[in-house]
Amino acid sequence: MRMLALLLISAISLASSSAFAASYQQNDGTIVDPIQLVSGGDHPYSGTNLGPVADLFGANLNGANLSGANLSGADLSTADLRGANLVGAALSGVVMFDGLLGGANLNGANLTGAYLEYSFFQNTDFRDADLTGATFAGNITGTDFRGVNFTNARLCLQCPAGGLSGSAFYDATTVFSGTVWGGAGPQFTDIPFDPVAAGWTLVPVPEPGTALLMGLGLAGLAARRR
């Protein structure tokens, strides 16, 4: 009888853990279950499964490993994705109002048509991401925009006040053809976006010849020390 009771308790525990576990869908259709932490181990998140058009309002996915996730059209408003791995994620058409992405890695992510406003992107890695047609505004201190495509994007300098002004980084591979809007009161005027006026920092792209010479020089020094 005691053995039967232990088996029943184990079965209930397993059922409970599986019932509360959450998964996410990758771009290729693979289901990752359960969601992992970037630092290793299972993520404690136990809400709605992550996939296209998912309702993830207020979800706590801090530090989640969501590499290659397909969250197209999902609602990420007020969600916490600080420190999350979203490399190569499909985030086209997502809505993130008042969300947290500080320290997240969105290298190569597809954010076409995304609505990202009043959110916090401090030290976020957007390198090589596609923000074509996106609406983007928020705190970007220390954010990396090198290689980002801002074609037809709408950027807000006053959502919140001074939102896009800050120590963002870009280089010659970043595509700027979007507009910025701002102004006092209900009147907002779109003007061509100027990253210099916004206080962004240009990071020079090393020329192949320069990089090669530096490499040869370092190799020569190493050989000389031997």
Protein backbone atom coordinates (compact mmCIF):
# COMPACT_ATOMS: atom_id res chain seq x y z
CA MET A 1 0.00 0.00 0.00
CA ARG A 2 2.84 2.40 0.88
CA MET A 3 4.53 1.64 -2.45
CA LEU A 4 1.27 2.36 -4.31
CA ALA A 5 0.91 5.68 -2.49
CA LEU A 6 4.49 6.65 -3.43
CA LEU A 7 3.84 5.77 -7.07
CA LEU A 8 0.67 7.87 -7.06
CA ILE A 9 2.51 10.85 -5.55
CA SER A 10 5.27 10.52 -8.16
CA ALA A 11 2.75 10.35 -10.99
CA ILE A 12 0.92 13.43 -9.70
CA SER A 13 4.20 15.32 -9.36
CA LEU A 14 5.23 14.46 -12.91
CA ALA A 15 1.82 15.41 -14.25
CA SER A 16 1.93 18.71 -12.40
CA SER A 17 5.42 19.58 -13.66
CA SER A 18 4.49 18.76 -17.25
CA ALA A 19 1.23 20.70 -16.96
CA PHE A 20 3.07 23.83 -15.88
CA ALA A 21 6.00 23.48 -18.27
CA ALA A 22 6.17 25.81 -21.26
CA SER A 23 7.69 25.37 -24.70
CA TYR A 24 8.64 27.58 -27.63
CA GLN A 25 8.51 27.08 -31.38
CA GLN A 26 11.58 27.68 -33.53
CA ASN A 27 11.61 29.02 -37.10
CA ASP A 28 11.95 25.51 -38.53
CA GLY A 29 8.94 24.24 -36.56
CA THR A 30 10.98 22.48 -33.87
CA ILE A 31 9.38 22.61 -30.42
CA VAL A 32 11.77 23.21 -27.53
CA ASP A 33 10.27 21.93 -24.31
CA PRO A 34 10.92 23.05 -21.67
CA ILE A 35 12.36 26.53 -22.25
CA GLN A 36 15.96 26.75 -21.08
CA LEU A 37 17.86 29.52 -19.31
CA VAL A 38 20.80 31.18 -21.08
CA SER A 39 22.82 30.29 -17.99
CA GLY A 40 21.70 26.63 -18.17
CA GLY A 41 18.86 24.63 -16.69
CA ASP A 42 15.09 24.93 -17.06
CA HIS A 43 13.45 28.34 -17.13
CA PRO A 44 10.78 28.82 -14.43
CA TYR A 45 8.32 30.40 -16.89
CA SER A 46 5.06 28.42 -16.87
CA GLY A 47 2.60 30.52 -18.86
CA THR A 48 1.34 30.34 -22.43
CA ASN A 49 3.50 28.37 -24.86
CA LEU A 50 5.58 30.63 -27.09
CA GLY A 51 4.75 30.68 -30.78
CA PRO A 52 3.36 32.88 -33.55
CA VAL A 53 0.61 35.29 -32.44
CA ALA A 54 0.94 34.15 -28.81
CA ASP A 55 -0.49 36.35 -26.06
CA LEU A 56 2.58 36.95 -23.91
CA PHE A 57 1.44 40.16 -22.25
CA GLY A 58 3.48 40.63 -19.09
CA ALA A 59 5.36 37.33 -19.50
CA ASN A 60 8.52 36.96 -17.41
CA LEU A 61 11.12 35.45 -19.76
CA ASN A 62 14.12 37.08 -18.14
CA GLY A 63 17.29 35.22 -19.22
CA ALA A 64 15.41 32.75 -21.45
CA ASN A 65 17.23 30.94 -24.26
CA LEU A 66 14.89 31.54 -27.22
CA SER A 67 17.40 31.20 -30.05
CA GLY A 68 15.61 30.98 -33.41
CA ALA A 69 12.18 31.40 -31.80
CA ASN A 70 9.17 32.10 -34.01
CA LEU A 71 7.15 34.76 -32.21
CA SER A 72 5.79 36.52 -35.30
CA GLY A 73 2.79 38.66 -34.44
CA ALA A 74 3.00 37.91 -30.72
CA ASP A 75 1.97 40.41 -28.05
CA LEU A 76 5.02 41.09 -25.87
CA SER A 77 3.69 44.23 -24.20
CA THR A 78 5.15 44.73 -20.70
CA ALA A 79 7.03 41.43 -21.12
CA ASP A 80 10.42 40.98 -19.44
CA LEU A 81 13.02 39.63 -21.89
CA ARG A 82 16.09 41.13 -20.26
CA GLY A 83 19.20 39.08 -20.98
CA ALA A 84 17.28 36.70 -23.27
CA ASN A 85 18.87 34.98 -26.26
CA LEU A 86 16.78 35.84 -29.34
CA VAL A 87 19.48 35.32 -31.97
CA GLY A 88 17.86 34.78 -35.38
CA ALA A 89 14.36 34.98 -33.89
CA ALA A 90 11.32 35.68 -36.10
CA LEU A 91 9.72 38.72 -34.48
CA SER A 92 8.01 40.31 -37.45
CA GLY A 93 4.86 42.17 -36.49
CA VAL A 94 5.34 41.73 -32.75
CA VAL A 95 3.87 44.34 -30.43
CA MET A 96 5.98 45.37 -27.46
CA PHE A 97 4.64 48.34 -25.55
CA ASP A 98 6.46 49.20 -22.32
CA GLY A 99 8.58 46.03 -22.50
CA LEU A 100 12.04 45.17 -21.20
CA LEU A 101 14.81 43.98 -23.54
CA GLY A 102 17.89 45.29 -21.76
CA GLY A 103 20.93 43.11 -22.35
CA ALA A 104 19.07 40.79 -24.74
CA ASN A 105 20.77 39.37 -27.85
CA LEU A 106 18.71 39.93 -31.02
CA ASN A 107 21.59 39.43 -33.44
CA GLY A 108 20.12 38.76 -36.90
CA ALA A 109 16.51 38.83 -35.66
CA ASN A 110 13.66 39.65 -38.06
CA LEU A 111 11.72 42.59 -36.62
CA THR A 112 10.07 43.79 -39.83
CA GLY A 113 6.90 45.71 -39.11
CA ALA A 114 7.37 45.32 -35.35
CA TYR A 115 5.90 47.87 -32.96
CA LEU A 116 8.41 48.57 -30.20
CA GLU A 117 7.50 51.65 -28.23
CA TYR A 118 8.06 53.02 -24.74
CA SER A 119 10.35 50.06 -24.09
CA PHE A 120 13.82 49.71 -22.62
CA PHE A 121 16.70 48.46 -24.77
CA GLN A 122 19.78 49.36 -22.73
CA ASN A 123 22.86 47.37 -23.86
CA THR A 124 20.73 45.29 -26.26
CA ASP A 125 22.48 43.64 -29.24
CA PHE A 126 20.51 44.36 -32.43
CA ARG A 127 23.44 43.74 -34.79
CA ASP A 128 22.36 42.70 -38.31
CA ALA A 129 18.69 42.72 -37.29
CA ASP A 130 16.02 43.74 -39.81
CA LEU A 131 13.77 46.56 -38.58
CA THR A 132 12.30 47.38 -41.99
CA GLY A 133 9.02 49.22 -41.49
CA ALA A 134 9.26 48.94 -37.71
CA THR A 135 8.06 51.54 -35.23
CA PHE A 136 10.83 51.92 -32.68
CA ALA A 137 11.19 54.07 -29.58
CA GLY A 138 12.67 53.71 -26.13
CA ASN A 139 15.78 53.98 -24.01
CA ILE A 140 18.75 52.74 -26.09
CA THR A 141 21.74 53.60 -23.91
CA GLY A 142 24.64 51.32 -24.92
CA THR A 143 22.58 49.57 -27.61
CA ASP A 144 24.37 48.13 -30.68
CA PHE A 145 22.70 48.85 -34.04
CA ARG A 146 25.60 47.92 -36.32
CA GLY A 147 24.37 46.40 -39.57
CA VAL A 148 20.69 47.03 -38.77
CA ASN A 149 18.25 47.73 -41.62
CA PHE A 150 16.04 50.71 -40.73
CA THR A 151 14.44 51.02 -44.19
CA ASN A 152 11.05 52.77 -43.90
CA ALA A 153 11.22 52.54 -40.10
CA ARG A 154 9.62 55.21 -37.93
CA LEU A 155 11.74 56.21 -34.95
CA CYS A 156 10.52 58.42 -32.12
CA LEU A 157 12.86 60.81 -30.32
CA GLN A 158 10.31 61.69 -27.65
CA CYS A 159 8.76 58.36 -26.68
CA PRO A 160 9.70 58.76 -23.83
CA ALA A 161 11.43 62.15 -23.93
CA GLY A 162 14.85 61.70 -25.51
CA GLY A 163 14.06 58.03 -26.09
CA LEU A 164 16.34 57.38 -29.07
CA SER A 165 19.03 59.79 -27.93
CA GLY A 166 21.88 57.99 -26.25
CA SER A 167 25.05 56.00 -26.68
CA ALA A 168 23.82 53.74 -29.46
CA PHE A 169 26.43 52.31 -31.83
CA TYR A 170 26.20 52.02 -35.61
CA ASP A 171 28.60 51.69 -38.54
CA ALA A 172 28.71 51.99 -42.33
CA THR A 173 26.72 48.76 -42.72
CA THR A 174 23.70 50.21 -40.90
CA VAL A 175 20.95 51.24 -43.35
CA PHE A 176 19.18 54.52 -42.56
CA SER A 177 16.20 55.45 -44.73
CA GLY A 178 13.56 55.72 -42.06
CA THR A 179 12.03 58.78 -40.46
CA VAL A 180 11.90 60.22 -36.99
CA TRP A 181 8.88 61.92 -35.48
CA GLY A 182 8.59 64.21 -32.53
CA GLY A 183 7.48 67.63 -31.46
CA ALA A 184 5.26 69.31 -28.91
CA GLY A 185 1.58 68.56 -28.53
CA PRO A 186 -0.45 66.51 -30.99
CA GLN A 187 1.46 67.76 -34.04
CA PHE A 188 4.12 65.27 -35.13
CA THR A 189 6.23 65.69 -38.25
CA ASP A 190 8.21 62.94 -39.94
CA ILE A 191 11.73 63.97 -40.96
CA PRO A 192 14.68 61.90 -42.27
CA PHE A 193 16.46 60.17 -39.42
CA ASP A 194 19.90 61.52 -38.52
CA PRO A 195 21.82 59.23 -36.11
CA VAL A 196 24.41 61.96 -35.44
CA ALA A 197 21.71 64.39 -34.33
CA ALA A 198 20.32 61.63 -32.14
CA GLY A 199 23.69 61.28 -30.41
CA TRP A 200 24.60 57.86 -31.80
CA THR A 201 28.26 56.84 -31.97
CA LEU A 202 29.77 55.81 -35.31
CA VAL A 203 32.01 52.75 -35.04
CA PRO A 204 34.39 52.56 -38.06
CA VAL A 205 34.36 49.32 -40.02
CA PRO A 206 37.98 48.09 -40.34
CA GLU A 207 39.12 47.85 -43.95
CA PRO A 208 40.25 44.33 -45.00
CA GLY A 209 43.74 45.60 -45.76
CA THR A 210 44.05 47.29 -42.37
CA ALA A 211 42.82 44.21 -40.55
CA LEU A 212 45.28 42.03 -42.51
CA LEU A 213 48.22 44.31 -41.72
CA MET A 214 47.29 44.32 -38.04
CA GLY A 215 47.11 40.54 -38.04
CA LEU A 216 50.49 40.21 -39.76
CA GLY A 217 51.99 42.68 -37.32
CA LEU A 218 50.73 40.74 -34.33
CA ALA A 219 51.96 37.50 -35.84
CA GLY A 220 55.39 39.06 -36.38
CA LEU A 221 55.59 40.20 -32.77
CA ALA A 222 54.61 36.75 -31.55
CA ALA A 223 57.29 35.13 -33.74
CA ARG A 224 59.92 37.59 -32.55
CA ARG A 225 59.20 36.81 -28.91
CA ARG A 226 59.77 33.13 -29.61
